[in-house]
Amino acid sequence: MPATGPAPLETAPAPLESRPPRVGVSLFWRTFLLLSLLLVGSIAAWLQTFRVLEFEPRAVQTAQQISSLVNLSRASLIHADAIARIGLIRTLDEQEGLRIVTRELRDRHVAFGTDDLSERITEEVRARLGADTVLATQVNDKPGLWVSFNIDGDRYWLLTDRSRVGAVGSTTWLIWLAIAAALSLAGAALFARLINRPLKQLSFAASRVREGDFDATQLDEHAVTSEIREVNIGFNRMAQQLSKVEQDRAVMLAGISHDLRTPLARLRLETEMSVTDPDAREHMAADIEQLDAIIDKFLDYARPDQAELKPVNLRDVVDACVYAVRESEDVRVQVDVDSSLNVLADEVELARVLSNLIENARRYGKTPETGIARIDIAARGRDNWVLIKVRDHGMGVSPDALPNLIKPFFRGDAARTAATGAGLGLAIVDKTVQRMGGVFSLANTASSGLAAHIRLQRG
């Protein structure tokens, strides 16, 4: 008789819980980053090259402007009489922003600059105005561009706004670089999106084909790019061929299975009527039932339709499946499933999955000492998923055979293949769970036996 009681949900090496995804960069971001590095590096190199090539012309141009201001101011003062000179100095100050003051011996000044450009400007100005010319950025704590000059032995300062002849500041260069980088990054994002969009569509279509959805895989066969167009056409033709192969396979399996039912029914009837030996009749009837069960497996595996998902109470489905084996003397079932736990599934398909797992555990999970199959069914909710485990206490399977158990027509080692079957039970379970949007896996438990893990969305 089955019993209900606590059956702890062990942590198995099999990945019922979602394993952390492998850390990586998508193709879009990799393309974007590479294009960004290329463009930003090119802009930085261009700016540096421009600054180097601009260095000498800017120094000469700035020195020429300074020299012209000094020469024009000096010429104006020389050719103006004493009365007009005062008005001229006032006019230069008010209209041109040029001040001319007397240079005193006690004046304190700060040199024009120590960077390469400032030194080159100073050198060029002295070559034009004289070796004793002084350029300063501050005289007696007053900032500006100060240039010394002489008139008939009298020394003067010419003061003007430094921005009139200064080089382009670092802030301007940074603004230019930021604007260029922003435009380049926007362009890189656009180009990366255009490049990777067909690949993203192809990746999505391939994932749908992998899930068996051949109708949602049509790619654009009129793409502008010839290479993408050829790939899309080839993929669509491949998907069509796979869909046809899948349909033909399902029709073939269903047809063969259906056609075998009639002769099997006649064979059973003839066995019951013509075989007189009770033992022989019983064995023949058992063989016919086994063939009939194998045909049922073929029909289940060939089922092409998609599952209709809706919230289903998991405990009700488990109880219904356990009820079918509760009279069996070789089975003991422990159930640990909360009655409020719902999953998003097809109720009939989920019952078929659990029944297959219980039957598989009943056949191959018996304890050698007692000959009784002890089965634990447990479920836990975690985030948006429900984790279900069906475990037996048998001998388990070899690690090499474990990954192949869900392959169609595969049979494990002798410990789990005592009789009979088409090797489709676990393959049907895996296929059905995938149709319901879940994940199915198998693992040997730490103590003994085999554990089947199912992950379904919470309903």
Protein backbone atom coordinates (compact mmCIF):
# COMPACT_ATOMS: atom_id res chain seq x y z
CA MET A 1 0.00 0.00 0.00
CA PRO A 2 1.36 3.46 -0.78
CA ALA A 3 2.06 5.71 2.15
CA THR A 4 2.31 9.43 2.37
CA GLY A 5 4.94 11.03 4.45
CA PRO A 6 8.00 13.27 4.33
CA ALA A 7 10.38 12.43 1.54
CA PRO A 8 13.20 14.95 1.54
CA LEU A 9 14.06 16.49 -1.81
CA GLU A 10 17.74 15.64 -1.98
CA THR A 11 20.24 17.74 -3.78
CA ALA A 12 21.46 15.69 -6.70
CA PRO A 13 24.26 16.41 -9.09
CA ALA A 14 21.78 16.43 -11.92
CA PRO A 15 20.79 19.96 -12.89
CA LEU A 16 17.18 20.24 -11.84
CA GLU A 17 17.94 23.69 -10.54
CA SER A 18 19.08 26.07 -13.18
CA ARG A 19 22.81 26.16 -13.35
CA PRO A 20 24.42 29.59 -13.51
CA PRO A 21 24.77 30.61 -17.14
CA ARG A 22 28.19 30.76 -18.64
CA VAL A 23 29.52 34.29 -18.47
CA GLY A 24 29.96 35.69 -21.94
CA VAL A 25 29.36 38.67 -24.21
CA SER A 26 26.66 38.65 -26.85
CA LEU A 27 27.64 39.13 -30.46
CA PHE A 28 26.00 42.57 -30.52
CA TRP A 29 28.01 43.88 -27.56
CA ARG A 30 31.23 42.33 -28.82
CA THR A 31 30.77 43.99 -32.24
CA PHE A 32 29.78 47.25 -30.56
CA LEU A 33 32.79 47.26 -28.26
CA LEU A 34 35.23 46.45 -31.07
CA LEU A 35 33.78 49.16 -33.30
CA SER A 36 33.81 51.61 -30.39
CA LEU A 37 37.44 50.92 -29.56
CA LEU A 38 38.39 51.29 -33.21
CA LEU A 39 36.51 54.56 -33.67
CA VAL A 40 37.55 56.14 -30.37
CA GLY A 41 41.16 55.11 -30.93
CA SER A 42 41.06 56.57 -34.44
CA ILE A 43 39.61 59.84 -33.15
CA ALA A 44 42.24 60.11 -30.42
CA ALA A 45 45.03 59.42 -32.91
CA TRP A 46 43.57 61.96 -35.33
CA LEU A 47 43.35 64.63 -32.63
CA GLN A 48 46.91 64.01 -31.52
CA THR A 49 48.14 64.14 -35.11
CA PHE A 50 46.20 67.33 -35.72
CA ARG A 51 47.66 68.95 -32.61
CA VAL A 52 51.18 68.02 -33.67
CA LEU A 53 50.71 69.30 -37.21
CA GLU A 54 48.97 72.43 -35.94
CA PHE A 55 51.70 73.25 -33.39
CA GLU A 56 54.13 75.18 -35.61
CA PRO A 57 51.54 77.14 -37.67
CA ARG A 58 49.69 78.17 -34.51
CA ALA A 59 52.90 79.31 -32.81
CA VAL A 60 53.91 81.39 -35.83
CA GLN A 61 50.41 82.84 -36.26
CA THR A 62 50.16 83.76 -32.56
CA ALA A 63 53.61 85.39 -32.59
CA GLN A 64 52.67 87.32 -35.72
CA GLN A 65 49.48 88.63 -34.08
CA ILE A 66 51.37 89.71 -30.97
CA SER A 67 54.10 91.37 -33.03
CA SER A 68 51.55 93.16 -35.21
CA LEU A 69 49.72 94.53 -32.16
CA VAL A 70 52.97 95.81 -30.67
CA ASN A 71 54.28 97.28 -33.93
CA LEU A 72 51.02 99.03 -34.77
CA SER A 73 50.67 100.42 -31.24
CA ARG A 74 54.30 101.59 -31.21
CA ALA A 75 54.02 103.18 -34.65
CA SER A 76 50.83 104.99 -33.62
CA LEU A 77 52.47 106.38 -30.50
CA ILE A 78 55.63 107.42 -32.35
CA HIS A 79 53.78 109.37 -35.04
CA ALA A 80 51.31 111.02 -32.69
CA ASP A 81 52.12 114.32 -30.98
CA ALA A 82 52.08 114.60 -27.23
CA ILE A 83 48.49 115.89 -27.06
CA ALA A 84 47.04 113.30 -29.43
CA ARG A 85 49.01 110.47 -27.80
CA ILE A 86 46.85 110.60 -24.66
CA GLY A 87 43.66 110.36 -26.71
CA LEU A 88 45.16 107.58 -28.79
CA ILE A 89 46.00 105.53 -25.71
CA ARG A 90 42.44 106.03 -24.39
CA THR A 91 40.93 105.03 -27.76
CA LEU A 92 43.05 101.85 -27.93
CA ASP A 93 41.92 100.91 -24.43
CA GLU A 94 38.22 101.57 -24.98
CA GLN A 95 37.76 100.26 -28.52
CA GLU A 96 40.46 97.63 -29.01
CA GLY A 97 41.03 96.44 -25.45
CA LEU A 98 44.72 97.43 -25.61
CA ARG A 99 46.35 99.19 -22.69
CA ILE A 100 49.74 100.81 -22.81
CA VAL A 101 51.44 101.50 -19.50
CA THR A 102 54.91 102.52 -18.52
CA ARG A 103 57.25 99.71 -17.54
CA GLU A 104 58.99 100.27 -14.21
CA LEU A 105 62.09 98.55 -12.89
CA ARG A 106 60.22 97.33 -9.85
CA ASP A 107 57.47 95.63 -11.87
CA ARG A 108 56.94 91.99 -10.99
CA HIS A 109 55.94 89.69 -13.83
CA VAL A 110 55.20 86.03 -14.46
CA ALA A 111 56.66 84.48 -17.61
CA PHE A 112 54.33 83.76 -20.52
CA GLY A 113 54.52 79.97 -20.13
CA THR A 114 56.80 76.98 -19.85
CA ASP A 115 55.03 74.55 -22.19
CA ASP A 116 56.36 73.85 -25.67
CA LEU A 117 53.85 76.07 -27.47
CA SER A 118 54.41 79.06 -25.16
CA GLU A 119 58.19 78.78 -25.47
CA ARG A 120 57.92 78.55 -29.26
CA ILE A 121 55.68 81.67 -29.33
CA THR A 122 58.11 83.58 -27.09
CA GLU A 123 61.01 82.60 -29.31
CA GLU A 124 59.20 83.75 -32.45
CA VAL A 125 58.10 87.07 -30.87
CA ARG A 126 61.64 87.86 -29.77
CA ALA A 127 62.87 87.13 -33.26
CA ARG A 128 60.42 89.73 -34.58
CA LEU A 129 60.56 92.38 -31.85
CA GLY A 130 64.00 91.96 -30.35
CA ALA A 131 65.83 89.65 -27.98
CA ASP A 132 65.02 91.83 -24.95
CA THR A 133 61.23 91.51 -25.44
CA VAL A 134 59.44 90.12 -22.42
CA LEU A 135 56.16 88.19 -22.61
CA ALA A 136 54.25 87.77 -19.36
CA THR A 137 50.89 86.48 -18.20
CA GLN A 138 50.85 88.64 -15.10
CA VAL A 139 52.43 91.96 -14.12
CA ASN A 140 52.07 93.28 -10.59
CA ASP A 141 49.39 90.62 -9.94
CA LYS A 142 47.28 91.81 -12.89
CA PRO A 143 46.56 88.94 -15.35
CA GLY A 144 46.57 89.28 -19.13
CA LEU A 145 48.97 89.09 -22.03
CA TRP A 146 51.79 91.57 -21.36
CA VAL A 147 54.40 92.42 -24.01
CA SER A 148 57.27 94.83 -23.42
CA PHE A 149 58.54 97.28 -26.09
CA ASN A 150 60.68 100.42 -26.29
CA ILE A 151 60.10 103.86 -27.82
CA ASP A 152 63.20 106.05 -27.99
CA GLY A 153 64.65 104.45 -24.90
CA ASP A 154 61.40 104.55 -22.91
CA ARG A 155 60.03 101.17 -21.84
CA TYR A 156 56.34 100.28 -22.00
CA TRP A 157 53.96 97.39 -21.46
CA LEU A 158 51.26 96.46 -23.95
CA LEU A 159 48.38 94.68 -22.16
CA THR A 160 45.70 92.75 -24.07
CA ASP A 161 43.35 89.88 -23.50
CA ARG A 162 45.29 86.63 -23.68
CA SER A 163 42.39 84.77 -25.29
CA ARG A 164 42.86 86.85 -28.46
CA VAL A 165 46.12 85.12 -29.26
CA GLY A 166 46.08 82.01 -27.09
CA ALA A 167 46.03 78.43 -28.30
CA VAL A 168 42.94 76.30 -28.25
CA GLY A 169 42.43 75.26 -24.63
CA SER A 170 42.32 71.72 -23.31
CA THR A 171 38.62 72.13 -22.51
CA THR A 172 37.88 72.78 -26.17
CA TRP A 173 39.84 69.71 -27.18
CA LEU A 174 37.93 67.60 -24.65
CA ILE A 175 34.59 68.92 -25.91
CA TRP A 176 35.56 68.08 -29.48
CA LEU A 177 36.70 64.63 -28.42
CA ALA A 178 33.52 63.99 -26.41
CA ILE A 179 31.25 65.02 -29.31
CA ALA A 180 33.20 62.92 -31.79
CA ALA A 181 33.22 59.93 -29.41
CA ALA A 182 29.46 60.23 -28.77
CA LEU A 183 28.70 60.33 -32.49
CA SER A 184 31.07 57.41 -33.09
CA LEU A 185 29.49 55.30 -30.34
CA ALA A 186 26.00 56.00 -31.69
CA GLY A 187 27.16 55.00 -35.15
CA ALA A 188 28.87 51.88 -33.77
CA ALA A 189 25.65 50.86 -31.98
CA LEU A 190 23.64 51.33 -35.17
CA PHE A 191 26.13 49.40 -37.31
CA ALA A 192 26.39 46.59 -34.72
CA ARG A 193 22.60 46.31 -34.59
CA LEU A 194 22.32 46.15 -38.37
CA ILE A 195 25.09 43.55 -38.57
CA ASN A 196 23.76 41.35 -35.78
CA ARG A 197 20.02 41.54 -36.43
CA PRO A 198 20.03 38.74 -39.08
CA LEU A 199 22.19 36.57 -36.81
CA LYS A 200 19.83 37.16 -33.89
CA GLN A 201 16.87 36.16 -36.06
CA LEU A 202 18.76 33.08 -37.22
CA SER A 203 19.60 32.16 -33.63
CA PHE A 204 15.94 32.48 -32.60
CA ALA A 205 14.79 30.40 -35.57
CA ALA A 206 17.37 27.70 -34.77
CA SER A 207 16.14 27.56 -31.16
CA ARG A 208 12.55 27.13 -32.37
CA VAL A 209 13.60 24.31 -34.71
CA ARG A 210 15.39 22.67 -31.80
CA GLU A 211 12.11 22.78 -29.84
CA GLY A 212 10.26 21.26 -32.78
CA ASP A 213 8.37 24.41 -33.79
CA PHE A 214 8.96 24.47 -37.54
CA ASP A 215 6.18 26.95 -38.35
CA ALA A 216 7.82 29.89 -36.54
CA THR A 217 11.15 29.67 -38.37
CA GLN A 218 10.53 31.51 -41.63
CA LEU A 219 13.37 33.95 -42.26
CA ASP A 220 13.33 36.85 -44.69
CA GLU A 221 14.23 35.53 -48.14
CA HIS A 222 14.32 39.04 -49.66
CA ALA A 223 17.10 40.49 -47.51
CA VAL A 224 19.20 43.17 -49.17
CA THR A 225 22.51 41.52 -48.33
CA SER A 226 23.13 38.62 -50.68
CA GLU A 227 24.98 36.48 -48.11
CA ILE A 228 22.20 36.86 -45.54
CA ARG A 229 19.59 36.16 -48.21
CA GLU A 230 21.31 32.91 -49.20
CA VAL A 231 21.61 31.81 -45.57
CA ASN A 232 17.93 32.56 -44.90
CA ILE A 233 16.80 30.66 -47.98
CA GLY A 234 18.97 27.67 -47.06
CA PHE A 235 17.71 27.67 -43.47
CA ASN A 236 14.07 27.87 -44.54
CA ARG A 237 14.51 24.93 -46.91
CA MET A 238 16.25 22.95 -44.20
CA ALA A 239 13.43 23.68 -41.72
CA GLN A 240 10.85 22.61 -44.29
CA GLN A 241 12.68 19.34 -44.91
CA LEU A 242 12.99 18.67 -41.17
CA SER A 243 9.30 19.39 -40.70
CA LYS A 244 8.43 16.96 -43.49
CA VAL A 245 10.74 14.31 -42.04
CA GLU A 246 9.16 14.75 -38.60
CA GLN A 247 5.65 14.51 -40.02
CA ASP A 248 6.52 11.45 -42.07
CA ARG A 249 8.08 9.80 -39.03
CA ALA A 250 5.05 10.46 -36.87
CA VAL A 251 2.67 9.23 -39.58
CA MET A 252 4.78 6.13 -40.15
CA LEU A 253 4.95 5.24 -36.45
CA ALA A 254 1.25 5.88 -35.96
CA GLY A 255 0.36 3.88 -39.06
CA ILE A 256 2.50 0.91 -38.17
CA SER A 257 1.22 0.91 -34.60
CA HIS A 258 -2.39 1.16 -35.72
CA ASP A 259 -2.05 -1.58 -38.32
CA LEU A 260 -0.51 -3.96 -35.78
CA ARG A 261 -3.47 -3.68 -33.42
CA THR A 262 -5.87 -5.73 -35.58
CA PRO A 263 -3.66 -8.82 -36.05
CA LEU A 264 -2.72 -8.69 -32.37
CA ALA A 265 -6.38 -8.73 -31.38
CA ARG A 266 -7.01 -11.73 -33.64
CA LEU A 267 -3.88 -13.44 -32.32
CA ARG A 268 -5.06 -13.01 -28.75
CA LEU A 269 -8.49 -14.34 -29.55
CA GLU A 270 -7.03 -17.39 -31.27
CA THR A 271 -4.67 -17.94 -28.34
CA GLU A 272 -7.54 -17.91 -25.87
CA MET A 273 -9.56 -20.33 -27.98
CA SER A 274 -6.99 -22.75 -29.39
CA VAL A 275 -4.23 -23.10 -26.78
CA THR A 276 -5.21 -25.70 -24.21
CA ASP A 277 -2.17 -25.53 -21.95
CA PRO A 278 -2.98 -22.89 -19.28
CA ASP A 279 0.69 -21.96 -18.69
CA ALA A 280 1.40 -21.61 -22.39
CA ARG A 281 -1.79 -19.61 -22.88
CA GLU A 282 -0.88 -17.28 -20.03
CA HIS A 283 2.63 -16.69 -21.37
CA MET A 284 1.37 -16.05 -24.88
CA ALA A 285 -1.25 -13.65 -23.57
CA ALA A 286 1.47 -11.84 -21.59
CA ASP A 287 3.61 -11.54 -24.73
CA ILE A 288 0.66 -10.11 -26.65
CA GLU A 289 -0.01 -7.59 -23.87
CA GLN A 290 3.63 -6.60 -23.95
CA LEU A 291 3.44 -6.01 -27.71
CA ASP A 292 0.29 -3.97 -27.19
CA ALA A 293 2.02 -1.87 -24.54
CA ILE A 294 4.97 -1.28 -26.90
CA ILE A 295 2.54 -0.11 -29.58
CA ASP A 296 1.09 2.36 -27.03
CA LYS A 297 4.60 3.69 -26.46
CA PHE A 298 5.08 4.18 -30.20
CA LEU A 299 1.81 6.09 -30.40
CA ASP A 300 2.77 8.27 -27.44
CA TYR A 301 6.18 9.05 -28.92
CA ALA A 302 4.70 9.83 -32.32
CA ARG A 303 2.23 12.30 -30.83
CA PRO A 304 2.93 15.57 -32.76
CA ASP A 305 0.49 18.00 -31.16
CA GLN A 306 1.55 20.72 -28.72
CA ALA A 307 0.42 20.54 -25.11
CA GLU A 308 -2.27 22.96 -23.94
CA LEU A 309 -0.88 24.45 -20.75
CA LYS A 310 -3.01 25.62 -17.82
CA PRO A 311 -2.64 25.68 -14.02
CA VAL A 312 -2.86 22.14 -12.64
CA ASN A 313 -2.84 21.05 -9.00
CA LEU A 314 0.24 18.85 -8.72
CA ARG A 315 -0.91 16.91 -5.66
CA ASP A 316 -4.14 15.81 -7.37
CA VAL A 317 -2.23 14.47 -10.39
CA VAL A 318 0.29 12.66 -8.16
CA ASP A 319 -2.48 11.08 -6.09
CA ALA A 320 -4.25 9.87 -9.24
CA CYS A 321 -1.05 8.26 -10.54
CA VAL A 322 -0.25 6.66 -7.18
CA TYR A 323 -3.81 5.33 -6.91
CA ALA A 324 -3.22 3.15 -9.97
CA VAL A 325 -0.43 1.20 -8.22
CA ARG A 326 -1.62 1.23 -4.67
CA GLU A 327 -2.88 -2.36 -4.89
CA SER A 328 0.46 -3.65 -6.12
CA GLU A 329 2.31 -5.64 -3.53
CA ASP A 330 5.75 -4.87 -4.95
CA VAL A 331 5.45 -1.05 -4.68
CA ARG A 332 5.69 1.35 -1.73
CA VAL A 333 5.23 5.02 -2.48
CA GLN A 334 5.94 8.02 -0.25
CA VAL A 335 4.54 11.37 -1.35
CA ASP A 336 5.71 14.77 -0.12
CA VAL A 337 3.85 17.28 -2.27
CA ASP A 338 2.06 20.31 -0.88
CA SER A 339 -1.63 20.36 -1.75
CA SER A 340 -1.47 24.05 -2.72
CA LEU A 341 1.31 23.60 -5.29
CA ASN A 342 0.18 24.30 -8.86
CA VAL A 343 2.16 23.88 -12.09
CA LEU A 344 1.61 25.14 -15.62
CA ALA A 345 1.05 21.92 -17.58
CA ASP A 346 -1.33 19.70 -19.53
CA GLU A 347 -3.02 17.53 -16.91
CA VAL A 348 -3.21 14.43 -19.12
CA GLU A 349 0.36 14.78 -20.31
CA LEU A 350 1.64 15.38 -16.77
CA ALA A 351 -0.19 12.27 -15.54
CA ARG A 352 1.38 10.28 -18.38
CA VAL A 353 4.84 11.57 -17.38
CA LEU A 354 4.43 10.66 -13.71
CA SER A 355 2.90 7.28 -14.56
CA ASN A 356 5.83 6.47 -16.82
CA LEU A 357 8.32 7.41 -14.10
CA ILE A 358 6.46 5.38 -11.46
CA GLU A 359 6.27 2.38 -13.79
CA ASN A 360 9.95 2.70 -14.64
CA ALA A 361 10.83 2.82 -10.92
CA ARG A 362 8.52 -0.13 -10.22
CA ARG A 363 10.21 -2.25 -12.87
CA TYR A 364 13.85 -1.39 -12.35
CA GLY A 365 14.09 0.19 -8.89
CA LYS A 366 13.35 -2.74 -6.65
CA THR A 367 15.53 -3.32 -3.63
CA PRO A 368 17.45 -6.59 -4.16
CA GLU A 369 16.88 -7.72 -0.57
CA THR A 370 13.10 -7.32 -0.48
CA GLY A 371 12.08 -7.27 -4.12
CA ILE A 372 9.94 -4.21 -3.37
CA ALA A 373 10.24 -0.93 -5.22
CA ARG A 374 10.31 1.98 -2.78
CA ILE A 375 9.45 5.20 -4.61
CA ASP A 376 9.70 8.73 -3.20
CA ILE A 377 7.80 11.56 -4.89
CA ALA A 378 8.57 15.07 -3.66
CA ALA A 379 8.08 18.61 -4.97
CA ARG A 380 9.18 22.08 -3.91
CA GLY A 381 8.38 25.55 -5.22
CA ARG A 382 11.28 27.83 -5.98
CA ASP A 383 10.81 31.29 -7.47
CA ASN A 384 8.71 30.83 -10.63
CA TRP A 385 9.45 27.12 -10.91
CA VAL A 386 8.34 23.88 -9.30
CA LEU A 387 10.97 21.17 -8.80
CA ILE A 388 9.65 17.60 -8.85
CA LYS A 389 11.66 14.49 -7.99
CA VAL A 390 10.70 10.85 -8.44
CA ARG A 391 13.28 8.57 -6.84
CA ASP A 392 13.66 4.82 -6.47
CA HIS A 393 16.02 2.88 -4.19
CA GLY A 394 17.31 0.37 -6.69
CA MET A 395 20.81 -0.19 -8.02
CA GLY A 396 20.92 2.88 -10.25
CA VAL A 397 22.74 2.87 -13.59
CA SER A 398 26.32 3.21 -14.67
CA PRO A 399 27.53 6.82 -15.19
CA ASP A 400 28.31 6.09 -18.83
CA ALA A 401 24.77 4.92 -19.57
CA LEU A 402 23.04 7.73 -17.63
CA PRO A 403 23.11 10.40 -20.40
CA ASN A 404 21.68 7.90 -22.93
CA LEU A 405 18.62 6.83 -20.94
CA ILE A 406 16.42 9.51 -22.50
CA LYS A 407 17.41 8.58 -26.04
CA PRO A 408 14.76 6.66 -28.00
CA PHE A 409 15.18 2.86 -28.07
CA PHE A 410 18.15 2.92 -25.70
CA ARG A 411 18.33 0.37 -22.92
CA GLY A 412 20.62 0.66 -19.97
CA ASP A 413 22.61 -2.05 -18.26
CA ALA A 414 21.18 -5.40 -17.25
CA ALA A 415 20.24 -4.17 -13.80
CA ARG A 416 17.53 -1.92 -15.29
CA THR A 417 16.52 -3.91 -18.37
CA ALA A 418 15.19 -7.03 -16.88
CA ALA A 419 12.53 -7.43 -19.46
CA THR A 420 10.95 -5.76 -21.84
CA GLY A 421 10.01 -2.58 -23.42
CA ALA A 422 10.73 -0.50 -26.48
CA GLY A 423 13.16 1.82 -24.76
CA LEU A 424 10.80 4.76 -25.26
CA GLY A 425 9.47 5.42 -21.76
CA LEU A 426 12.03 8.00 -20.62
CA ALA A 427 12.31 9.45 -24.14
CA ILE A 428 8.56 10.09 -24.06
CA VAL A 429 8.89 11.71 -20.63
CA ASP A 430 11.67 14.01 -21.84
CA LYS A 431 9.77 14.96 -24.99
CA THR A 432 6.53 15.60 -23.10
CA VAL A 433 8.21 17.74 -20.42
CA GLN A 434 9.84 19.83 -23.15
CA ARG A 435 6.44 20.32 -24.82
CA MET A 436 5.21 21.74 -21.51
CA GLY A 437 8.14 24.18 -21.34
CA GLY A 438 10.01 22.27 -18.64
CA VAL A 439 13.34 20.52 -18.11
CA PHE A 440 13.88 16.81 -17.45
CA SER A 441 17.05 15.15 -16.16
CA LEU A 442 18.24 11.96 -14.48
CA ALA A 443 20.87 11.35 -11.81
CA ASN A 444 22.11 8.59 -9.55
CA THR A 445 21.46 9.43 -5.91
CA ALA A 446 24.22 9.57 -3.32
CA SER A 447 22.98 6.44 -1.48
CA SER A 448 21.41 4.21 -4.12
CA GLY A 449 18.84 4.32 -6.85
CA LEU A 450 17.94 6.65 -9.69
CA ALA A 451 16.27 10.05 -9.35
CA ALA A 452 14.25 11.74 -12.09
CA HIS A 453 14.10 15.53 -11.85
CA ILE A 454 11.42 17.67 -13.51
CA ARG A 455 11.27 21.45 -13.54
CA LEU A 456 7.98 23.04 -14.56
CA GLN A 457 6.72 26.60 -14.40
CA ARG A 458 4.62 27.48 -11.38
CA GLY A 459 0.94 27.71 -12.24
